[in-house]
């Protein structure tokens, strides 16, 4: 159903905001790049902030989708467990709380009392983002919710996310390394057959404002169900003169553009 895809695009942008905040806010960035000492390597969390960022993205996606589509959260899967153990030996289940203050308190337990980082992270988690797409707004496709499964790869390309440079030059539009390689991947599939139905690729780091040093991202998406395929189409900047459509609707079930997006899916 196209309303589920619309919400997945919305939550992918929330996830992208979290990924950008962890790189741009000093209190969070220092935790992200912190090297664990030899004696800490086998600890579950103290402090693997990248894992926390992954889990938080995963939980934000789950909670937002559950709020809009009750019952869907139990069919959203990811690579990370949301259970952490802090330095006091307390087991903490990470989740998105109803209020920002409650989320700060929960994150503080996971982050061993680091209130500054907890407040910075909770603020971006509870901050709403806007995402609209005219093509999806004009199309209604009904897919039974009970057949849907969702797989999330919260922040893909870990090394580039932590160590990647902002100065890497592309090779014919392809970045071999750097922050531009980082993606948030969401795949929707038929839970009975494993056939991909929808996919979202969100790139949080596409272009950087040299004055503010803030990043902007972009999304690619696709939906393929029955005889209808719809996918995003973003021409190169030099071609964005209003003459090319942002999205295309087609009856061609072999469309490579659709499946290049949908095949981000991994079955759990």
C-alpha atoms as a PDB file:
ATOM      1  CA  UNK A   1       0.000   0.000   0.000  1.00  0.00           C
ATOM      2  CA  UNK A   2       1.366   3.364  -0.966  1.00  0.00           C
ATOM      3  CA  UNK A   3       0.532   4.879   2.439  1.00  0.00           C
ATOM      4  CA  UNK A   4       2.981   2.451   4.061  1.00  0.00           C
ATOM      5  CA  UNK A   5       5.646   3.459   1.554  1.00  0.00           C
ATOM      6  CA  UNK A   6       4.950   7.123   2.295  1.00  0.00           C
ATOM      7  CA  UNK A   7       5.458   6.488   5.997  1.00  0.00           C
ATOM      8  CA  UNK A   8       8.640   4.472   5.352  1.00  0.00           C
ATOM      9  CA  UNK A   9      10.042   7.438   3.430  1.00  0.00           C
ATOM     10  CA  UNK A  10       9.093   9.692   6.334  1.00  0.00           C
ATOM     11  CA  UNK A  11      10.755   7.465   8.961  1.00  0.00           C
ATOM     12  CA  UNK A  12      13.826   6.979   6.763  1.00  0.00           C
ATOM     13  CA  UNK A  13      14.242  10.762   6.823  1.00  0.00           C
ATOM     14  CA  UNK A  14      13.912  10.746  10.628  1.00  0.00           C
ATOM     15  CA  UNK A  15      16.600   8.054  10.670  1.00  0.00           C
ATOM     16  CA  UNK A  16      18.789  10.173   8.383  1.00  0.00           C
ATOM     17  CA  UNK A  17      18.405  13.097  10.800  1.00  0.00           C
ATOM     18  CA  UNK A  18      19.681  10.892  13.640  1.00  0.00           C
ATOM     19  CA  UNK A  19      22.638   9.743  11.520  1.00  0.00           C
ATOM     20  CA  UNK A  20      23.523  13.340  10.628  1.00  0.00           C
ATOM     21  CA  UNK A  21      23.174  14.530  14.228  1.00  0.00           C
ATOM     22  CA  UNK A  22      25.608  11.879  15.463  1.00  0.00           C
ATOM     23  CA  UNK A  23      28.204  13.235  13.030  1.00  0.00           C
ATOM     24  CA  UNK A  24      27.480  16.948  13.427  1.00  0.00           C
ATOM     25  CA  UNK A  25      26.861  17.428  17.157  1.00  0.00           C
ATOM     26  CA  UNK A  26      30.110  17.460  19.119  1.00  0.00           C
ATOM     27  CA  UNK A  27      28.786  15.601  22.172  1.00  0.00           C
ATOM     28  CA  UNK A  28      27.609  12.744  19.948  1.00  0.00           C
ATOM     29  CA  UNK A  29      30.496  12.754  17.474  1.00  0.00           C
ATOM     30  CA  UNK A  30      33.061  12.293  20.243  1.00  0.00           C
ATOM     31  CA  UNK A  31      31.245   9.146  21.377  1.00  0.00           C
ATOM     32  CA  UNK A  32      30.987   7.925  17.791  1.00  0.00           C
ATOM     33  CA  UNK A  33      34.737   8.140  17.115  1.00  0.00           C
ATOM     34  CA  UNK A  34      35.857   7.042  20.588  1.00  0.00           C
ATOM     35  CA  UNK A  35      38.216   4.070  20.433  1.00  0.00           C
ATOM     36  CA  UNK A  36      37.529   1.301  22.939  1.00  0.00           C
ATOM     37  CA  UNK A  37      40.499   0.184  25.015  1.00  0.00           C
ATOM     38  CA  UNK A  38      41.736  -3.394  24.941  1.00  0.00           C
ATOM     39  CA  UNK A  39      39.976  -4.364  28.159  1.00  0.00           C
ATOM     40  CA  UNK A  40      36.649  -2.989  26.917  1.00  0.00           C
ATOM     41  CA  UNK A  41      36.441  -4.814  23.607  1.00  0.00           C
ATOM     42  CA  UNK A  42      34.287  -7.656  24.890  1.00  0.00           C
ATOM     43  CA  UNK A  43      31.804  -5.441  26.700  1.00  0.00           C
ATOM     44  CA  UNK A  44      28.379  -5.205  25.114  1.00  0.00           C
ATOM     45  CA  UNK A  45      28.237  -1.459  25.172  1.00  0.00           C
ATOM     46  CA  UNK A  46      30.850   0.468  27.120  1.00  0.00           C
ATOM     47  CA  UNK A  47      30.702   2.445  24.899  1.00  0.00           C
ATOM     48  CA  UNK A  48      29.820   1.220  21.398  1.00  0.00           C
ATOM     49  CA  UNK A  49      27.960   4.321  20.334  1.00  0.00           C
ATOM     50  CA  UNK A  50      27.622   3.179  16.719  1.00  0.00           C
ATOM     51  CA  UNK A  51      25.548   0.226  17.951  1.00  0.00           C
ATOM     52  CA  UNK A  52      23.384   2.618  19.949  1.00  0.00           C
ATOM     53  CA  UNK A  53      22.826   4.789  16.870  1.00  0.00           C
ATOM     54  CA  UNK A  54      21.883   1.691  14.848  1.00  0.00           C
ATOM     55  CA  UNK A  55      19.435   0.442  17.454  1.00  0.00           C
ATOM     56  CA  UNK A  56      17.914   3.868  17.969  1.00  0.00           C
ATOM     57  CA  UNK A  57      17.267   4.229  14.226  1.00  0.00           C
ATOM     58  CA  UNK A  58      15.755   0.744  14.198  1.00  0.00           C
ATOM     59  CA  UNK A  59      13.481   1.498  17.170  1.00  0.00           C
ATOM     60  CA  UNK A  60      12.375   4.874  15.778  1.00  0.00           C
ATOM     61  CA  UNK A  61      11.339   3.147  12.546  1.00  0.00           C
ATOM     62  CA  UNK A  62       9.507   0.410  14.463  1.00  0.00           C
ATOM     63  CA  UNK A  63       7.658   2.755  16.795  1.00  0.00           C
ATOM     64  CA  UNK A  64       6.615   5.217  14.112  1.00  0.00           C
ATOM     65  CA  UNK A  65       5.337   2.448  11.849  1.00  0.00           C
ATOM     66  CA  UNK A  66       3.465   0.833  14.749  1.00  0.00           C
ATOM     67  CA  UNK A  67       1.820   4.150  15.611  1.00  0.00           C
ATOM     68  CA  UNK A  68       0.476   4.487  12.066  1.00  0.00           C
ATOM     69  CA  UNK A  69      -0.121   0.792  11.346  1.00  0.00           C
ATOM     70  CA  UNK A  70      -0.913  -1.152  14.558  1.00  0.00           C
ATOM     71  CA  UNK A  71       0.501  -4.675  14.577  1.00  0.00           C
ATOM     72  CA  UNK A  72       3.213  -3.960  11.999  1.00  0.00           C
ATOM     73  CA  UNK A  73       6.100  -3.541  14.482  1.00  0.00           C
ATOM     74  CA  UNK A  74       6.211  -7.259  15.268  1.00  0.00           C
ATOM     75  CA  UNK A  75       7.032  -7.897  11.603  1.00  0.00           C
ATOM     76  CA  UNK A  76       9.896  -5.372  11.418  1.00  0.00           C
ATOM     77  CA  UNK A  77      13.294  -7.047  11.687  1.00  0.00           C
ATOM     78  CA  UNK A  78      16.865  -5.796  11.957  1.00  0.00           C
ATOM     79  CA  UNK A  79      20.385  -6.887  12.793  1.00  0.00           C
ATOM     80  CA  UNK A  80      20.637  -5.276  16.226  1.00  0.00           C
ATOM     81  CA  UNK A  81      19.265  -6.249  19.645  1.00  0.00           C
ATOM     82  CA  UNK A  82      17.763  -3.384  21.641  1.00  0.00           C
ATOM     83  CA  UNK A  83      19.057  -4.732  24.966  1.00  0.00           C
ATOM     84  CA  UNK A  84      22.127  -3.046  26.472  1.00  0.00           C
ATOM     85  CA  UNK A  85      24.132  -3.504  29.651  1.00  0.00           C
ATOM     86  CA  UNK A  86      25.682  -0.394  31.187  1.00  0.00           C
ATOM     87  CA  UNK A  87      28.759  -0.092  33.424  1.00  0.00           C
ATOM     88  CA  UNK A  88      26.639  -0.785  36.516  1.00  0.00           C
ATOM     89  CA  UNK A  89      25.530  -4.109  35.072  1.00  0.00           C
ATOM     90  CA  UNK A  90      21.980  -2.867  34.505  1.00  0.00           C
ATOM     91  CA  UNK A  91      20.134  -4.317  31.524  1.00  0.00           C
ATOM     92  CA  UNK A  92      18.340  -1.566  29.621  1.00  0.00           C
ATOM     93  CA  UNK A  93      15.808  -2.133  26.832  1.00  0.00           C
ATOM     94  CA  UNK A  94      16.180   0.751  24.415  1.00  0.00           C
ATOM     95  CA  UNK A  95      12.950   2.098  22.926  1.00  0.00           C
ATOM     96  CA  UNK A  96      11.376   5.343  21.832  1.00  0.00           C
ATOM     97  CA  UNK A  97       9.524   6.766  24.840  1.00  0.00           C
ATOM     98  CA  UNK A  98       6.309   8.853  24.602  1.00  0.00           C
ATOM     99  CA  UNK A  99       8.099  12.070  25.650  1.00  0.00           C
ATOM    100  CA  UNK A 100      11.512  13.567  25.021  1.00  0.00           C
ATOM    101  CA  UNK A 101      12.174  13.755  28.772  1.00  0.00           C
ATOM    102  CA  UNK A 102      11.524  10.026  29.215  1.00  0.00           C
ATOM    103  CA  UNK A 103      13.796   9.210  26.292  1.00  0.00           C
ATOM    104  CA  UNK A 104      16.561  11.357  27.856  1.00  0.00           C
ATOM    105  CA  UNK A 105      16.223   9.392  31.089  1.00  0.00           C
ATOM    106  CA  UNK A 106      16.386   6.041  29.301  1.00  0.00           C
ATOM    107  CA  UNK A 107      19.365   7.049  27.126  1.00  0.00           C
ATOM    108  CA  UNK A 108      21.140   8.330  30.231  1.00  0.00           C
ATOM    109  CA  UNK A 109      20.991   4.838  31.709  1.00  0.00           C
ATOM    110  CA  UNK A 110      22.501   3.329  28.561  1.00  0.00           C
ATOM    111  CA  UNK A 111      25.140   6.073  28.260  1.00  0.00           C
ATOM    112  CA  UNK A 112      26.258   5.712  31.872  1.00  0.00           C
ATOM    113  CA  UNK A 113      24.864   9.089  32.937  1.00  0.00           C
ATOM    114  CA  UNK A 114      26.082  11.174  29.978  1.00  0.00           C
ATOM    115  CA  UNK A 115      23.251  13.732  30.151  1.00  0.00           C
ATOM    116  CA  UNK A 116      24.603  16.063  27.448  1.00  0.00           C
ATOM    117  CA  UNK A 117      24.743  13.313  24.826  1.00  0.00           C
ATOM    118  CA  UNK A 118      21.412  11.873  25.981  1.00  0.00           C
ATOM    119  CA  UNK A 119      19.653  15.219  25.633  1.00  0.00           C
ATOM    120  CA  UNK A 120      21.179  15.889  22.206  1.00  0.00           C
ATOM    121  CA  UNK A 121      20.144  12.467  20.936  1.00  0.00           C
ATOM    122  CA  UNK A 122      16.637  12.577  22.416  1.00  0.00           C
ATOM    123  CA  UNK A 123      15.996  15.973  20.864  1.00  0.00           C
ATOM    124  CA  UNK A 124      16.681  14.782  17.322  1.00  0.00           C
ATOM    125  CA  UNK A 125      14.784  11.519  17.921  1.00  0.00           C
ATOM    126  CA  UNK A 126      11.617  13.418  18.896  1.00  0.00           C
ATOM    127  CA  UNK A 127      12.002  16.096  16.242  1.00  0.00           C
ATOM    128  CA  UNK A 128       9.554  15.670  13.389  1.00  0.00           C
ATOM    129  CA  UNK A 129      10.656  15.895   9.775  1.00  0.00           C
ATOM    130  CA  UNK A 130       8.737  16.653   6.607  1.00  0.00           C
ATOM    131  CA  UNK A 131       8.811  14.406   3.580  1.00  0.00           C
ATOM    132  CA  UNK A 132       6.367  14.511   0.685  1.00  0.00           C
ATOM    133  CA  UNK A 133       6.326  13.013  -2.763  1.00  0.00           C
ATOM    134  CA  UNK A 134       3.677  14.133  -5.262  1.00  0.00           C
ATOM    135  CA  UNK A 135       3.792  10.842  -7.143  1.00  0.00           C
ATOM    136  CA  UNK A 136       2.922   8.773  -4.100  1.00  0.00           C
ATOM    137  CA  UNK A 137       0.331  11.303  -2.995  1.00  0.00           C
ATOM    138  CA  UNK A 138      -1.559  10.763  -6.232  1.00  0.00           C
ATOM    139  CA  UNK A 139      -1.525   6.938  -6.242  1.00  0.00           C
ATOM    140  CA  UNK A 140      -3.337   4.409  -4.060  1.00  0.00           C
ATOM    141  CA  UNK A 141      -2.213   0.792  -4.234  1.00  0.00           C
ATOM    142  CA  UNK A 142      -3.694  -1.707  -1.781  1.00  0.00           C
ATOM    143  CA  UNK A 143      -1.473  -4.477  -0.458  1.00  0.00           C
ATOM    144  CA  UNK A 144      -2.783  -6.571   2.470  1.00  0.00           C
ATOM    145  CA  UNK A 145      -0.868  -5.515   5.598  1.00  0.00           C
ATOM    146  CA  UNK A 146      -0.870  -9.052   6.991  1.00  0.00           C
ATOM    147  CA  UNK A 147       1.461 -10.307   4.242  1.00  0.00           C
ATOM    148  CA  UNK A 148       4.137  -7.634   4.816  1.00  0.00           C
ATOM    149  CA  UNK A 149       7.510  -8.151   6.446  1.00  0.00           C
ATOM    150  CA  UNK A 150      10.080  -5.359   6.797  1.00  0.00           C
ATOM    151  CA  UNK A 151      13.873  -5.602   7.063  1.00  0.00           C
ATOM    152  CA  UNK A 152      15.927  -2.631   8.261  1.00  0.00           C
ATOM    153  CA  UNK A 153      19.657  -2.007   7.898  1.00  0.00           C
ATOM    154  CA  UNK A 154      19.802   1.121  10.089  1.00  0.00           C
ATOM    155  CA  UNK A 155      23.126   2.717   9.092  1.00  0.00           C
ATOM    156  CA  UNK A 156      24.929   0.794   6.365  1.00  0.00           C
ATOM    157  CA  UNK A 157      28.653   1.267   5.630  1.00  0.00           C
ATOM    158  CA  UNK A 158      29.837   1.479   9.235  1.00  0.00           C
ATOM    159  CA  UNK A 159      33.482   2.311   8.581  1.00  0.00           C
ATOM    160  CA  UNK A 160      32.653   5.191   6.236  1.00  0.00           C
ATOM    161  CA  UNK A 161      30.082   6.494   8.727  1.00  0.00           C
ATOM    162  CA  UNK A 162      32.651   6.677  11.511  1.00  0.00           C
ATOM    163  CA  UNK A 163      35.854   7.423   9.598  1.00  0.00           C
ATOM    164  CA  UNK A 164      34.669   8.547   6.177  1.00  0.00           C
ATOM    165  CA  UNK A 165      35.817  11.841   4.731  1.00  0.00           C
ATOM    166  CA  UNK A 166      33.566  14.567   3.343  1.00  0.00           C
ATOM    167  CA  UNK A 167      36.151  15.463   0.690  1.00  0.00           C
ATOM    168  CA  UNK A 168      36.102  12.330  -1.480  1.00  0.00           C
ATOM    169  CA  UNK A 169      35.557  13.060  -5.176  1.00  0.00           C
ATOM    170  CA  UNK A 170      33.167  10.951  -7.218  1.00  0.00           C
ATOM    171  CA  UNK A 171      34.199   8.886 -10.202  1.00  0.00           C
ATOM    172  CA  UNK A 172      31.516   9.428 -12.857  1.00  0.00           C
ATOM    173  CA  UNK A 173      28.970   9.982 -10.087  1.00  0.00           C
ATOM    174  CA  UNK A 174      30.080   7.019  -7.960  1.00  0.00           C
ATOM    175  CA  UNK A 175      31.819   7.558  -4.620  1.00  0.00           C
ATOM    176  CA  UNK A 176      34.391   4.843  -3.834  1.00  0.00           C
ATOM    177  CA  UNK A 177      34.485   5.900  -0.167  1.00  0.00           C
ATOM    178  CA  UNK A 178      33.447   8.715   2.150  1.00  0.00           C
ATOM    179  CA  UNK A 179      30.274   9.773   3.918  1.00  0.00           C
ATOM    180  CA  UNK A 180      28.343   9.715   0.647  1.00  0.00           C
ATOM    181  CA  UNK A 181      28.511   5.891   0.792  1.00  0.00           C
ATOM    182  CA  UNK A 182      26.431   5.739   3.980  1.00  0.00           C
ATOM    183  CA  UNK A 183      22.823   4.603   3.527  1.00  0.00           C
ATOM    184  CA  UNK A 184      19.731   3.664   5.498  1.00  0.00           C
ATOM    185  CA  UNK A 185      18.086   0.653   3.880  1.00  0.00           C
ATOM    186  CA  UNK A 186      14.498  -0.517   4.321  1.00  0.00           C
ATOM    187  CA  UNK A 187      13.034  -3.442   2.393  1.00  0.00           C
ATOM    188  CA  UNK A 188       9.431  -4.684   2.420  1.00  0.00           C
ATOM    189  CA  UNK A 189       8.628  -8.199   1.250  1.00  0.00           C
ATOM    190  CA  UNK A 190       5.810 -10.713   1.100  1.00  0.00           C
ATOM    191  CA  UNK A 191       6.328 -12.631   4.328  1.00  0.00           C
ATOM    192  CA  UNK A 192       4.759 -15.743   2.776  1.00  0.00           C
ATOM    193  CA  UNK A 193       6.867 -15.912  -0.389  1.00  0.00           C
ATOM    194  CA  UNK A 194       9.887 -13.658   0.274  1.00  0.00           C
ATOM    195  CA  UNK A 195       9.155 -11.640  -2.889  1.00  0.00           C
ATOM    196  CA  UNK A 196      10.293  -7.974  -2.576  1.00  0.00           C
ATOM    197  CA  UNK A 197       7.456  -5.442  -2.697  1.00  0.00           C
ATOM    198  CA  UNK A 198       8.902  -2.075  -1.643  1.00  0.00           C
ATOM    199  CA  UNK A 199      12.311  -0.592  -0.927  1.00  0.00           C
ATOM    200  CA  UNK A 200      13.781   2.645   0.382  1.00  0.00           C
ATOM    201  CA  UNK A 201      17.393   3.816   0.151  1.00  0.00           C
ATOM    202  CA  UNK A 202      18.084   7.000   2.083  1.00  0.00           C
ATOM    203  CA  UNK A 203      21.478   8.701   1.703  1.00  0.00           C
ATOM    204  CA  UNK A 204      21.895  11.073   4.676  1.00  0.00           C
ATOM    205  CA  UNK A 205      25.108  12.618   3.331  1.00  0.00           C
ATOM    206  CA  UNK A 206      24.836  13.780  -0.275  1.00  0.00           C
ATOM    207  CA  UNK A 207      25.781  17.458  -0.324  1.00  0.00           C
ATOM    208  CA  UNK A 208      27.329  19.697   2.325  1.00  0.00           C
ATOM    209  CA  UNK A 209      26.761  23.413   2.827  1.00  0.00           C
ATOM    210  CA  UNK A 210      30.281  24.834   3.036  1.00  0.00           C
ATOM    211  CA  UNK A 211      29.110  27.718   5.229  1.00  0.00           C
ATOM    212  CA  UNK A 212      27.137  25.791   7.863  1.00  0.00           C
ATOM    213  CA  UNK A 213      28.843  22.403   7.237  1.00  0.00           C
ATOM    214  CA  UNK A 214      25.422  20.811   7.432  1.00  0.00           C
ATOM    215  CA  UNK A 215      24.537  17.913   5.158  1.00  0.00           C
ATOM    216  CA  UNK A 216      21.518  17.262   2.992  1.00  0.00           C
ATOM    217  CA  UNK A 217      20.437  13.849   1.771  1.00  0.00           C
ATOM    218  CA  UNK A 218      18.171  12.193  -0.765  1.00  0.00           C
ATOM    219  CA  UNK A 219      15.940   9.133  -1.101  1.00  0.00           C
ATOM    220  CA  UNK A 220      15.443   6.484  -3.737  1.00  0.00           C
ATOM    221  CA  UNK A 221      12.440   4.187  -3.526  1.00  0.00           C
ATOM    222  CA  UNK A 222      10.497   1.600  -5.444  1.00  0.00           C
ATOM    223  CA  UNK A 223       7.226  -0.330  -5.222  1.00  0.00           C
ATOM    224  CA  UNK A 224       6.350  -3.408  -7.248  1.00  0.00           C
ATOM    225  CA  UNK A 225       3.028  -5.185  -6.760  1.00  0.00           C
ATOM    226  CA  UNK A 226       0.942  -7.169  -9.216  1.00  0.00           C
ATOM    227  CA  UNK A 227       1.277  -5.329 -12.559  1.00  0.00           C
ATOM    228  CA  UNK A 228       2.207  -1.945 -11.145  1.00  0.00           C
ATOM    229  CA  UNK A 229       5.768  -0.738 -10.681  1.00  0.00           C
ATOM    230  CA  UNK A 230       6.547   2.728  -9.429  1.00  0.00           C
ATOM    231  CA  UNK A 231       9.977   4.045  -8.633  1.00  0.00           C
ATOM    232  CA  UNK A 232      11.788   7.257  -7.914  1.00  0.00           C
ATOM    233  CA  UNK A 233      13.850   8.839 -10.636  1.00  0.00           C
ATOM    234  CA  UNK A 234      16.329  11.573  -9.814  1.00  0.00           C
ATOM    235  CA  UNK A 235      18.211  12.838 -12.865  1.00  0.00           C
ATOM    236  CA  UNK A 236      21.641  14.391 -12.527  1.00  0.00           C
ATOM    237  CA  UNK A 237      21.780  18.019 -11.384  1.00  0.00           C
ATOM    238  CA  UNK A 238      22.646  19.206 -14.897  1.00  0.00           C
ATOM    239  CA  UNK A 239      19.389  17.684 -16.185  1.00  0.00           C
ATOM    240  CA  UNK A 240      17.098  18.999 -13.456  1.00  0.00           C
ATOM    241  CA  UNK A 241      15.462  21.658 -15.568  1.00  0.00           C
ATOM    242  CA  UNK A 242      11.875  20.649 -14.971  1.00  0.00           C
ATOM    243  CA  UNK A 243      11.575  18.665 -18.188  1.00  0.00           C
ATOM    244  CA  UNK A 244      12.142  15.255 -16.586  1.00  0.00           C
ATOM    245  CA  UNK A 245       9.746  13.609 -14.113  1.00  0.00           C
ATOM    246  CA  UNK A 246      10.937  12.800 -10.606  1.00  0.00           C
ATOM    247  CA  UNK A 247       9.149   9.462 -10.651  1.00  0.00           C
ATOM    248  CA  UNK A 248       7.874   7.073 -13.258  1.00  0.00           C
ATOM    249  CA  UNK A 249       4.909   4.702 -13.299  1.00  0.00           C
ATOM    250  CA  UNK A 250       5.179   1.671 -15.522  1.00  0.00           C
ATOM    251  CA  UNK A 251       3.495  -1.634 -16.300  1.00  0.00           C
ATOM    252  CA  UNK A 252       6.835  -3.245 -17.225  1.00  0.00           C
ATOM    253  CA  UNK A 253       7.463  -5.849 -14.510  1.00  0.00           C
ATOM    254  CA  UNK A 254      11.066  -6.316 -15.656  1.00  0.00           C
ATOM    255  CA  UNK A 255      11.986  -2.724 -14.848  1.00  0.00           C
ATOM    256  CA  UNK A 256      15.592  -2.814 -13.641  1.00  0.00           C
ATOM    257  CA  UNK A 257      15.181   0.532 -11.909  1.00  0.00           C
ATOM    258  CA  UNK A 258      12.497  -0.895  -9.622  1.00  0.00           C
ATOM    259  CA  UNK A 259      14.406  -3.999  -8.677  1.00  0.00           C
ATOM    260  CA  UNK A 260      17.716  -2.224  -8.152  1.00  0.00           C
ATOM    261  CA  UNK A 261      15.944  -0.483  -5.282  1.00  0.00           C
ATOM    262  CA  UNK A 262      13.889  -3.438  -4.059  1.00  0.00           C
ATOM    263  CA  UNK A 263      16.787  -5.873  -3.934  1.00  0.00           C
ATOM    264  CA  UNK A 264      18.310  -4.085  -0.985  1.00  0.00           C
ATOM    265  CA  UNK A 265      16.108  -6.472   0.931  1.00  0.00           C
ATOM    266  CA  UNK A 266      17.593  -9.232   3.055  1.00  0.00           C
ATOM    267  CA  UNK A 267      15.380 -11.874   4.570  1.00  0.00           C
ATOM    268  CA  UNK A 268      15.862 -12.259   8.349  1.00  0.00           C
END
